[in-house]
Amino acid sequence: MKIIEEKEAWIHTHFIVDSYFITEQERRQISINVEPELLQLGIQYGLTYNIAPSKHRAIIILECIPFDQVKTIIKELINEVIKDFPVRHPEQRNVVTNITVTDPETNEPENLNPIS
């Protein structure tokens, strides 16, 4: 897993990763490894996690917008922690539409989909 995009949104920094979601265990591992370093850098805010619905990507959210130089250090820290995490893709869902059933008495197909 790796960070593929970085965005500033209002008072947060979003690090968008190349995976659909981050497990609870991976979140703890990221927090344990990155948050002490944030304190060393003078950042009192932590990390939260979300999914970008339009992009089908997980987001690691830093609850502030640090200076660019510090943001680069944080991005490198996160990338170092998540580099061995597996990339997960959203599950494909098969949707069945327009079902046709043959009537056993007349042997003619009946369309069960009332929407035309």
C-alpha atoms as a PDB file:
ATOM      1  CA  MET A   1       0.000   0.000   0.000  1.00  0.00           C
ATOM      2  CA  LYS A   2       1.184   3.567  -0.624  1.00  0.00           C
ATOM      3  CA  ILE A   3      -0.031   7.148  -0.665  1.00  0.00           C
ATOM      4  CA  ILE A   4      -1.081   8.082  -4.194  1.00  0.00           C
ATOM      5  CA  GLU A   5      -2.558  11.530  -3.608  1.00  0.00           C
ATOM      6  CA  GLU A   6      -2.448  14.295  -1.041  1.00  0.00           C
ATOM      7  CA  LYS A   7      -5.126  16.966  -0.579  1.00  0.00           C
ATOM      8  CA  GLU A   8      -5.818  19.804   1.792  1.00  0.00           C
ATOM      9  CA  ALA A   9      -9.457  20.030   2.841  1.00  0.00           C
ATOM     10  CA  TRP A  10     -10.551  22.864   5.105  1.00  0.00           C
ATOM     11  CA  ILE A  11      -8.355  22.270   8.203  1.00  0.00           C
ATOM     12  CA  HIS A  12      -7.243  18.723   7.390  1.00  0.00           C
ATOM     13  CA  THR A  13      -4.665  17.000   5.229  1.00  0.00           C
ATOM     14  CA  HIS A  14      -5.924  13.939   3.353  1.00  0.00           C
ATOM     15  CA  PHE A  15      -3.455  11.234   2.358  1.00  0.00           C
ATOM     16  CA  ILE A  16      -5.308   9.047  -0.164  1.00  0.00           C
ATOM     17  CA  VAL A  17      -3.907   5.521  -0.465  1.00  0.00           C
ATOM     18  CA  ASP A  18      -4.137   2.952  -3.259  1.00  0.00           C
ATOM     19  CA  SER A  19      -6.329   0.592  -1.235  1.00  0.00           C
ATOM     20  CA  TYR A  20     -10.097   0.487  -0.717  1.00  0.00           C
ATOM     21  CA  PHE A  21      -9.865   0.245   3.068  1.00  0.00           C
ATOM     22  CA  ILE A  22      -7.467  -0.014   5.980  1.00  0.00           C
ATOM     23  CA  THR A  23      -8.172  -2.641   8.641  1.00  0.00           C
ATOM     24  CA  GLU A  24      -8.464  -1.787  12.322  1.00  0.00           C
ATOM     25  CA  GLN A  25      -5.174  -3.546  13.047  1.00  0.00           C
ATOM     26  CA  GLU A  26      -3.415  -1.553  10.312  1.00  0.00           C
ATOM     27  CA  ARG A  27      -4.917   1.674  11.673  1.00  0.00           C
ATOM     28  CA  ARG A  28      -3.526   0.913  15.127  1.00  0.00           C
ATOM     29  CA  GLN A  29      -0.128   0.142  13.639  1.00  0.00           C
ATOM     30  CA  ILE A  30      -0.106   3.432  11.720  1.00  0.00           C
ATOM     31  CA  SER A  31      -1.165   5.390  14.814  1.00  0.00           C
ATOM     32  CA  ILE A  32       1.391   3.668  17.075  1.00  0.00           C
ATOM     33  CA  ASN A  33       4.227   4.412  14.651  1.00  0.00           C
ATOM     34  CA  VAL A  34       3.268   7.856  13.333  1.00  0.00           C
ATOM     35  CA  GLU A  35       1.583   9.730  16.199  1.00  0.00           C
ATOM     36  CA  PRO A  36       4.674   9.826  18.489  1.00  0.00           C
ATOM     37  CA  GLU A  37       6.604  11.295  15.556  1.00  0.00           C
ATOM     38  CA  LEU A  38       3.865  13.899  15.090  1.00  0.00           C
ATOM     39  CA  LEU A  39       4.385  14.982  18.699  1.00  0.00           C
ATOM     40  CA  GLN A  40       8.151  15.225  18.081  1.00  0.00           C
ATOM     41  CA  LEU A  41       7.374  17.497  15.115  1.00  0.00           C
ATOM     42  CA  GLY A  42       5.221  19.715  17.372  1.00  0.00           C
ATOM     43  CA  ILE A  43       1.870  18.525  16.001  1.00  0.00           C
ATOM     44  CA  GLN A  44      -0.736  17.947  18.705  1.00  0.00           C
ATOM     45  CA  TYR A  45      -3.370  16.521  16.367  1.00  0.00           C
ATOM     46  CA  GLY A  46      -3.797  12.872  15.476  1.00  0.00           C
ATOM     47  CA  LEU A  47      -4.902  10.745  12.560  1.00  0.00           C
ATOM     48  CA  THR A  48      -8.362   9.553  11.565  1.00  0.00           C
ATOM     49  CA  TYR A  49      -9.403   7.224   8.751  1.00  0.00           C
ATOM     50  CA  ASN A  50     -12.145   7.279   6.141  1.00  0.00           C
ATOM     51  CA  ILE A  51     -13.063   6.095   2.644  1.00  0.00           C
ATOM     52  CA  ALA A  52     -13.455   8.447  -0.311  1.00  0.00           C
ATOM     53  CA  PRO A  53     -16.746   7.185  -1.791  1.00  0.00           C
ATOM     54  CA  SER A  54     -16.241   8.686  -5.241  1.00  0.00           C
ATOM     55  CA  LYS A  55     -12.714   7.309  -5.601  1.00  0.00           C
ATOM     56  CA  HIS A  56     -13.110   3.978  -3.764  1.00  0.00           C
ATOM     57  CA  ARG A  57      -9.934   4.749  -1.844  1.00  0.00           C
ATOM     58  CA  ALA A  58      -9.050   4.838   1.834  1.00  0.00           C
ATOM     59  CA  ILE A  59      -7.974   8.153   3.338  1.00  0.00           C
ATOM     60  CA  ILE A  60      -5.616   8.774   6.226  1.00  0.00           C
ATOM     61  CA  ILE A  61      -6.607  12.159   7.621  1.00  0.00           C
ATOM     62  CA  LEU A  62      -4.208  14.369   9.544  1.00  0.00           C
ATOM     63  CA  GLU A  63      -6.326  16.729  11.650  1.00  0.00           C
ATOM     64  CA  CYS A  64      -4.314  19.803  10.614  1.00  0.00           C
ATOM     65  CA  ILE A  65      -2.425  21.298   7.679  1.00  0.00           C
ATOM     66  CA  PRO A  66       1.297  21.424   8.516  1.00  0.00           C
ATOM     67  CA  PHE A  67       3.957  23.350   6.621  1.00  0.00           C
ATOM     68  CA  ASP A  68       5.028  21.684   3.359  1.00  0.00           C
ATOM     69  CA  GLN A  69       8.386  20.541   4.736  1.00  0.00           C
ATOM     70  CA  VAL A  70       6.704  18.860   7.743  1.00  0.00           C
ATOM     71  CA  LYS A  71       3.963  17.414   5.519  1.00  0.00           C
ATOM     72  CA  THR A  72       6.629  15.716   3.394  1.00  0.00           C
ATOM     73  CA  ILE A  73       8.168  14.132   6.501  1.00  0.00           C
ATOM     74  CA  ILE A  74       4.749  12.885   7.665  1.00  0.00           C
ATOM     75  CA  LYS A  75       3.977  11.464   4.215  1.00  0.00           C
ATOM     76  CA  GLU A  76       7.296   9.581   4.245  1.00  0.00           C
ATOM     77  CA  LEU A  77       6.569   8.254   7.761  1.00  0.00           C
ATOM     78  CA  ILE A  78       3.137   6.974   6.744  1.00  0.00           C
ATOM     79  CA  ASN A  79       4.475   5.441   3.520  1.00  0.00           C
ATOM     80  CA  GLU A  80       7.185   3.639   5.500  1.00  0.00           C
ATOM     81  CA  VAL A  81       4.593   2.113   7.847  1.00  0.00           C
ATOM     82  CA  ILE A  82       2.087   1.077   5.141  1.00  0.00           C
ATOM     83  CA  LYS A  83       4.511  -0.166   2.480  1.00  0.00           C
ATOM     84  CA  ASP A  84       3.980  -3.845   3.420  1.00  0.00           C
ATOM     85  CA  PHE A  85       0.199  -3.613   3.891  1.00  0.00           C
ATOM     86  CA  PRO A  86      -1.804  -5.402   1.172  1.00  0.00           C
ATOM     87  CA  VAL A  87      -3.781  -3.368  -1.348  1.00  0.00           C
ATOM     88  CA  ARG A  88      -7.496  -4.151  -1.173  1.00  0.00           C
ATOM     89  CA  HIS A  89      -9.862  -3.418  -4.029  1.00  0.00           C
ATOM     90  CA  PRO A  90     -13.625  -2.958  -3.702  1.00  0.00           C
ATOM     91  CA  GLU A  91     -15.547  -6.160  -4.278  1.00  0.00           C
ATOM     92  CA  GLN A  92     -17.296  -6.366  -7.616  1.00  0.00           C
ATOM     93  CA  ARG A  93     -21.008  -6.864  -7.186  1.00  0.00           C
ATOM     94  CA  ASN A  94     -22.918  -8.688  -9.868  1.00  0.00           C
ATOM     95  CA  VAL A  95     -26.386  -7.290 -10.347  1.00  0.00           C
ATOM     96  CA  VAL A  96     -28.968  -9.508 -11.999  1.00  0.00           C
ATOM     97  CA  THR A  97     -31.627  -7.744 -14.052  1.00  0.00           C
ATOM     98  CA  ASN A  98     -34.318  -8.730 -16.524  1.00  0.00           C
ATOM     99  CA  ILE A  99     -34.987 -12.263 -15.258  1.00  0.00           C
ATOM    100  CA  THR A 100     -36.994 -14.488 -17.588  1.00  0.00           C
ATOM    101  CA  VAL A 101     -38.758 -17.638 -16.376  1.00  0.00           C
ATOM    102  CA  THR A 102     -40.472 -20.154 -18.615  1.00  0.00           C
ATOM    103  CA  ASP A 103     -44.013 -21.126 -17.629  1.00  0.00           C
ATOM    104  CA  PRO A 104     -44.003 -24.953 -17.405  1.00  0.00           C
ATOM    105  CA  GLU A 105     -47.615 -25.226 -18.683  1.00  0.00           C
ATOM    106  CA  THR A 106     -47.364 -23.028 -21.755  1.00  0.00           C
ATOM    107  CA  ASN A 107     -43.592 -23.263 -22.264  1.00  0.00           C
ATOM    108  CA  GLU A 108     -43.567 -19.516 -22.993  1.00  0.00           C
ATOM    109  CA  PRO A 109     -41.148 -17.113 -21.342  1.00  0.00           C
ATOM    110  CA  GLU A 110     -42.576 -14.707 -18.780  1.00  0.00           C
ATOM    111  CA  ASN A 111     -40.720 -11.513 -18.027  1.00  0.00           C
ATOM    112  CA  LEU A 112     -40.621 -11.018 -14.255  1.00  0.00           C
ATOM    113  CA  ASN A 113     -39.109  -7.568 -14.507  1.00  0.00           C
ATOM    114  CA  PRO A 114     -42.099  -5.186 -14.210  1.00  0.00           C
ATOM    115  CA  ILE A 115     -39.991  -2.158 -15.126  1.00  0.00           C
ATOM    116  CA  SER A 116     -39.799  -1.568 -18.860  1.00  0.00           C
END
